[in-house]
């Protein structure tokens, strides 16, 4: 009878070890839940970025204002009849 109880205790210990430390364990489940949450946050951030880019593409395809703004900011272009002023600060003053 003692050997049966001992065998049951050993089996219980092996099953508990697998539950806490083996493949598919509680620790692995917690880690995977953390990974899923991090991936969902990354997906949300990228979806927001995609919406901004889609809006920019739509503006560039359909509107002249967006193209004009890009030409002014990125290429330094000005319209006919406009005067461009550039103010340069003194780098020696604090």
N, C-alpha and C. Protein backbone atom coordinates (compact mmCIF):
# COMPACT_ATOMS: atom_id res chain seq x y z
N UNK A 1 0.81 -1.19 0.00
CA UNK A 1 0.00 0.00 0.00
C UNK A 1 0.86 1.26 0.00
N UNK A 2 2.03 1.17 0.71
CA UNK A 2 2.92 2.32 0.75
C UNK A 2 3.51 2.60 -0.64
N UNK A 3 3.81 1.56 -1.37
CA UNK A 3 4.38 1.78 -2.71
C UNK A 3 3.37 2.42 -3.64
N UNK A 4 2.06 2.12 -3.45
CA UNK A 4 1.02 2.72 -4.26
C UNK A 4 0.90 4.21 -3.94
N UNK A 5 0.95 4.55 -2.66
CA UNK A 5 0.90 5.96 -2.26
C UNK A 5 2.13 6.70 -2.78
N UNK A 6 3.29 6.06 -2.69
CA UNK A 6 4.52 6.66 -3.20
C UNK A 6 4.46 6.88 -4.70
N UNK A 7 3.93 5.90 -5.41
CA UNK A 7 3.78 6.02 -6.86
C UNK A 7 2.84 7.16 -7.22
N UNK A 8 1.74 7.30 -6.49
CA UNK A 8 0.81 8.39 -6.74
C UNK A 8 1.43 9.76 -6.46
N UNK A 9 2.23 9.84 -5.41
CA UNK A 9 2.91 11.10 -5.09
C UNK A 9 3.91 11.45 -6.19
N UNK A 10 4.64 10.49 -6.68
CA UNK A 10 5.61 10.72 -7.76
C UNK A 10 4.89 11.16 -9.03
N UNK A 11 3.78 10.52 -9.36
CA UNK A 11 3.01 10.91 -10.55
C UNK A 11 2.46 12.31 -10.41
N UNK A 12 1.98 12.65 -9.22
CA UNK A 12 1.46 13.99 -8.97
C UNK A 12 2.57 15.02 -9.13
N UNK A 13 3.75 14.71 -8.61
CA UNK A 13 4.89 15.63 -8.73
C UNK A 13 5.27 15.83 -10.20
N UNK A 14 5.29 14.77 -10.98
CA UNK A 14 5.62 14.88 -12.40
C UNK A 14 4.59 15.70 -13.15
N UNK A 15 3.32 15.49 -12.84
CA UNK A 15 2.28 16.26 -13.50
C UNK A 15 2.34 17.73 -13.11
N UNK A 16 2.61 18.02 -11.85
CA UNK A 16 2.74 19.40 -11.40
C UNK A 16 3.95 20.07 -12.07
N UNK A 17 5.04 19.32 -12.20
CA UNK A 17 6.23 19.88 -12.86
C UNK A 17 5.91 20.26 -14.29
N UNK A 18 5.21 19.40 -14.98
CA UNK A 18 4.83 19.70 -16.37
C UNK A 18 3.88 20.89 -16.44
N UNK A 19 2.96 20.99 -15.48
CA UNK A 19 2.01 22.10 -15.46
C UNK A 19 2.73 23.44 -15.29
N UNK A 20 3.72 23.48 -14.44
CA UNK A 20 4.37 24.76 -14.13
C UNK A 20 5.60 25.03 -14.99
N UNK A 21 6.30 24.02 -15.46
CA UNK A 21 7.57 24.25 -16.15
C UNK A 21 7.69 23.60 -17.52
N UNK A 22 6.81 22.71 -17.89
CA UNK A 22 6.94 21.98 -19.15
C UNK A 22 6.35 22.73 -20.33
N UNK A 23 6.24 22.02 -21.45
CA UNK A 23 5.65 22.59 -22.66
C UNK A 23 4.17 22.85 -22.43
N UNK A 24 3.71 24.05 -22.78
CA UNK A 24 2.32 24.42 -22.56
C UNK A 24 2.04 24.77 -21.11
N UNK A 25 3.08 25.15 -20.37
CA UNK A 25 2.94 25.43 -18.95
C UNK A 25 2.26 26.78 -18.69
N UNK A 26 1.98 27.03 -17.45
CA UNK A 26 1.37 28.29 -17.04
C UNK A 26 2.30 29.45 -17.37
N UNK A 27 3.60 29.29 -17.11
CA UNK A 27 4.56 30.34 -17.42
C UNK A 27 4.56 30.67 -18.91
N UNK A 28 4.53 29.66 -19.74
CA UNK A 28 4.51 29.87 -21.18
C UNK A 28 3.22 30.56 -21.61
N UNK A 29 2.11 30.22 -20.97
CA UNK A 29 0.84 30.87 -21.28
C UNK A 29 0.90 32.36 -20.93
N UNK A 30 1.46 32.70 -19.78
CA UNK A 30 1.58 34.10 -19.37
C UNK A 30 2.49 34.87 -20.34
N UNK A 31 3.58 34.24 -20.74
CA UNK A 31 4.49 34.88 -21.69
C UNK A 31 3.81 35.12 -23.03
N UNK A 32 3.06 34.14 -23.47
CA UNK A 32 2.37 34.28 -24.76
C UNK A 32 1.28 35.36 -24.68
N UNK A 33 0.58 35.46 -23.56
CA UNK A 33 -0.41 36.52 -23.40
C UNK A 33 0.26 37.89 -23.45
N UNK A 34 1.42 38.01 -22.83
CA UNK A 34 2.17 39.27 -22.89
C UNK A 34 2.58 39.58 -24.32
N UNK A 35 3.07 38.57 -25.03
CA UNK A 35 3.48 38.76 -26.43
C UNK A 35 2.30 39.18 -27.31
N UNK A 36 1.14 38.57 -27.08
CA UNK A 36 -0.05 38.91 -27.86
C UNK A 36 -0.46 40.35 -27.59
N UNK A 37 -0.43 40.77 -26.33
CA UNK A 37 -0.79 42.14 -25.99
C UNK A 37 0.18 43.13 -26.64
N UNK A 38 1.47 42.83 -26.60
CA UNK A 38 2.46 43.71 -27.23
C UNK A 38 2.23 43.78 -28.73
N UNK A 39 1.91 42.66 -29.36
CA UNK A 39 1.66 42.65 -30.80
C UNK A 39 0.40 43.43 -31.15
N UNK A 40 -0.64 43.34 -30.31
CA UNK A 40 -1.86 44.10 -30.56
C UNK A 40 -1.60 45.60 -30.46
N UNK A 41 -0.77 46.02 -29.51
CA UNK A 41 -0.42 47.43 -29.39
C UNK A 41 0.36 47.90 -30.61
N UNK A 42 1.29 47.07 -31.08
CA UNK A 42 2.06 47.40 -32.28
C UNK A 42 1.15 47.49 -33.50
N UNK A 43 0.21 46.55 -33.62
CA UNK A 43 -0.74 46.58 -34.74
C UNK A 43 -1.59 47.83 -34.71
N UNK A 44 -2.02 48.23 -33.54
CA UNK A 44 -2.83 49.45 -33.40
C UNK A 44 -2.02 50.67 -33.82
N UNK A 45 -0.76 50.74 -33.39
CA UNK A 45 0.10 51.86 -33.76
C UNK A 45 0.31 51.90 -35.28
N UNK A 46 0.53 50.76 -35.87
CA UNK A 46 0.75 50.70 -37.32
C UNK A 46 -0.54 51.01 -38.09
N UNK A 47 -1.68 50.60 -37.56
CA UNK A 47 -2.95 50.92 -38.22
C UNK A 47 -3.19 52.43 -38.22
N UNK A 48 -2.86 53.09 -37.11
CA UNK A 48 -2.98 54.55 -37.05
C UNK A 48 -2.06 55.20 -38.08
N UNK A 49 -0.84 54.70 -38.17
CA UNK A 49 0.13 55.24 -39.14
C UNK A 49 -0.38 55.03 -40.57
N UNK A 50 -0.97 53.88 -40.83
CA UNK A 50 -1.51 53.61 -42.17
C UNK A 50 -2.65 54.56 -42.52
N UNK A 51 -3.51 54.85 -41.54
CA UNK A 51 -4.60 55.79 -41.79
C UNK A 51 -4.07 57.18 -42.14
N UNK A 52 -3.02 57.61 -41.45
CA UNK A 52 -2.42 58.91 -41.74
C UNK A 52 -1.83 58.91 -43.15
N UNK A 53 -1.13 57.84 -43.50
CA UNK A 53 -0.53 57.76 -44.83
C UNK A 53 -1.60 57.69 -45.92
N UNK A 54 -2.70 56.96 -45.67
CA UNK A 54 -3.78 56.90 -46.65
C UNK A 54 -4.40 58.27 -46.87
N UNK A 55 -4.57 59.03 -45.79
CA UNK A 55 -5.13 60.38 -45.91
C UNK A 55 -4.18 61.27 -46.70
N UNK A 56 -2.89 61.13 -46.46
CA UNK A 56 -1.91 61.94 -47.19
C UNK A 56 -1.90 61.59 -48.68
N UNK A 57 -1.98 60.31 -49.00
CA UNK A 57 -2.02 59.88 -50.40
C UNK A 57 -3.27 60.42 -51.07
N UNK A 58 -4.39 60.35 -50.37
CA UNK A 58 -5.65 60.86 -50.91
C UNK A 58 -5.56 62.36 -51.19
N UNK A 59 -4.95 63.11 -50.24
CA UNK A 59 -4.78 64.54 -50.44
C UNK A 59 -3.87 64.84 -51.63
N UNK A 60 -2.79 64.07 -51.76
CA UNK A 60 -1.87 64.31 -52.86
C UNK A 60 -2.50 63.96 -54.21
N UNK A 61 -3.35 62.94 -54.24
CA UNK A 61 -4.00 62.57 -55.50
C UNK A 61 -5.07 63.56 -55.90
N UNK A 62 -5.81 64.07 -54.92
CA UNK A 62 -6.98 64.86 -55.25
C UNK A 62 -6.84 66.36 -55.10
N UNK A 63 -5.91 66.82 -54.30
CA UNK A 63 -5.88 68.25 -54.02
C UNK A 63 -4.57 68.91 -54.41
N UNK A 64 -4.70 70.17 -54.79
CA UNK A 64 -3.53 70.96 -55.17
C UNK A 64 -2.86 71.53 -53.92
N UNK A 65 -3.65 71.77 -52.87
CA UNK A 65 -3.12 72.39 -51.65
C UNK A 65 -2.04 71.54 -51.01
N UNK A 66 -2.23 70.24 -50.97
CA UNK A 66 -1.24 69.36 -50.36
C UNK A 66 0.06 69.35 -51.17
N UNK A 67 -0.06 69.36 -52.48
CA UNK A 67 1.13 69.37 -53.34
C UNK A 67 1.86 70.70 -53.16
N UNK A 68 1.11 71.78 -53.11
CA UNK A 68 1.72 73.10 -52.92
C UNK A 68 2.43 73.18 -51.57
N UNK A 69 1.82 72.64 -50.54
CA UNK A 69 2.43 72.66 -49.21
C UNK A 69 3.73 71.88 -49.19
N UNK A 70 3.73 70.71 -49.82
CA UNK A 70 4.97 69.91 -49.89
C UNK A 70 6.05 70.63 -50.69
N UNK A 71 5.67 71.27 -51.78
CA UNK A 71 6.65 71.99 -52.60
C UNK A 71 7.27 73.13 -51.79
N UNK A 72 6.47 73.81 -51.00
CA UNK A 72 6.98 74.91 -50.19
C UNK A 72 7.90 74.40 -49.07
N UNK A 73 7.45 73.39 -48.35
CA UNK A 73 8.20 72.92 -47.18
C UNK A 73 9.43 72.11 -47.54
N UNK A 74 9.30 71.20 -48.49
CA UNK A 74 10.40 70.28 -48.78
C UNK A 74 11.33 70.79 -49.86
N UNK A 75 10.81 71.55 -50.81
CA UNK A 75 11.64 72.00 -51.93
C UNK A 75 11.97 73.49 -51.86
N UNK A 76 11.35 74.22 -50.94
CA UNK A 76 11.63 75.65 -50.79
C UNK A 76 11.11 76.49 -51.93
N UNK A 77 10.05 76.06 -52.58
CA UNK A 77 9.51 76.79 -53.73
C UNK A 77 8.58 77.92 -53.26
N UNK A 78 8.47 78.95 -54.09
CA UNK A 78 7.57 80.08 -53.83
C UNK A 78 6.76 80.34 -55.08
N UNK A 79 5.59 81.00 -54.90
CA UNK A 79 4.74 81.34 -56.03
C UNK A 79 5.28 82.57 -56.74
N UNK A 80 4.81 82.76 -57.97
CA UNK A 80 5.15 83.98 -58.71
C UNK A 80 4.61 85.17 -57.95
N UNK A 81 5.41 86.21 -57.82
CA UNK A 81 4.98 87.43 -57.17
C UNK A 81 5.21 87.41 -55.66
N UNK A 82 5.57 86.29 -55.08
CA UNK A 82 5.86 86.22 -53.65
C UNK A 82 7.33 86.56 -53.41
N UNK A 83 7.58 87.07 -52.24
CA UNK A 83 8.95 87.36 -51.84
C UNK A 83 9.31 86.44 -50.69
N UNK A 84 10.45 85.79 -50.81
CA UNK A 84 10.89 84.84 -49.79
C UNK A 84 11.85 85.55 -48.85
N UNK A 85 11.56 85.50 -47.57
CA UNK A 85 12.43 86.06 -46.54
C UNK A 85 12.92 84.93 -45.65
N UNK A 86 14.22 84.93 -45.40
CA UNK A 86 14.79 83.94 -44.50
C UNK A 86 15.47 84.69 -43.37
N UNK A 87 15.04 84.40 -42.15
CA UNK A 87 15.59 85.06 -40.98
C UNK A 87 16.61 84.12 -40.36
N UNK A 88 17.83 84.61 -40.24
CA UNK A 88 18.92 83.81 -39.69
C UNK A 88 19.26 84.37 -38.33
N UNK A 89 19.27 83.52 -37.32
CA UNK A 89 19.60 83.95 -35.96
C UNK A 89 21.09 84.00 -35.76
N UNK A 90 21.51 84.72 -34.73
CA UNK A 90 22.92 84.82 -34.37
C UNK A 90 23.27 83.64 -33.46
N UNK A 91 24.16 82.79 -33.90
CA UNK A 91 24.51 81.59 -33.15
C UNK A 91 25.43 81.88 -31.96
N UNK A 92 26.01 83.10 -31.90
CA UNK A 92 26.93 83.42 -30.82
C UNK A 92 26.22 83.83 -29.54
N UNK A 93 24.98 84.26 -29.62
CA UNK A 93 24.25 84.70 -28.44
C UNK A 93 23.63 83.51 -27.73
N UNK A 94 23.56 83.59 -26.38
CA UNK A 94 22.98 82.46 -25.62
C UNK A 94 21.54 82.35 -25.75
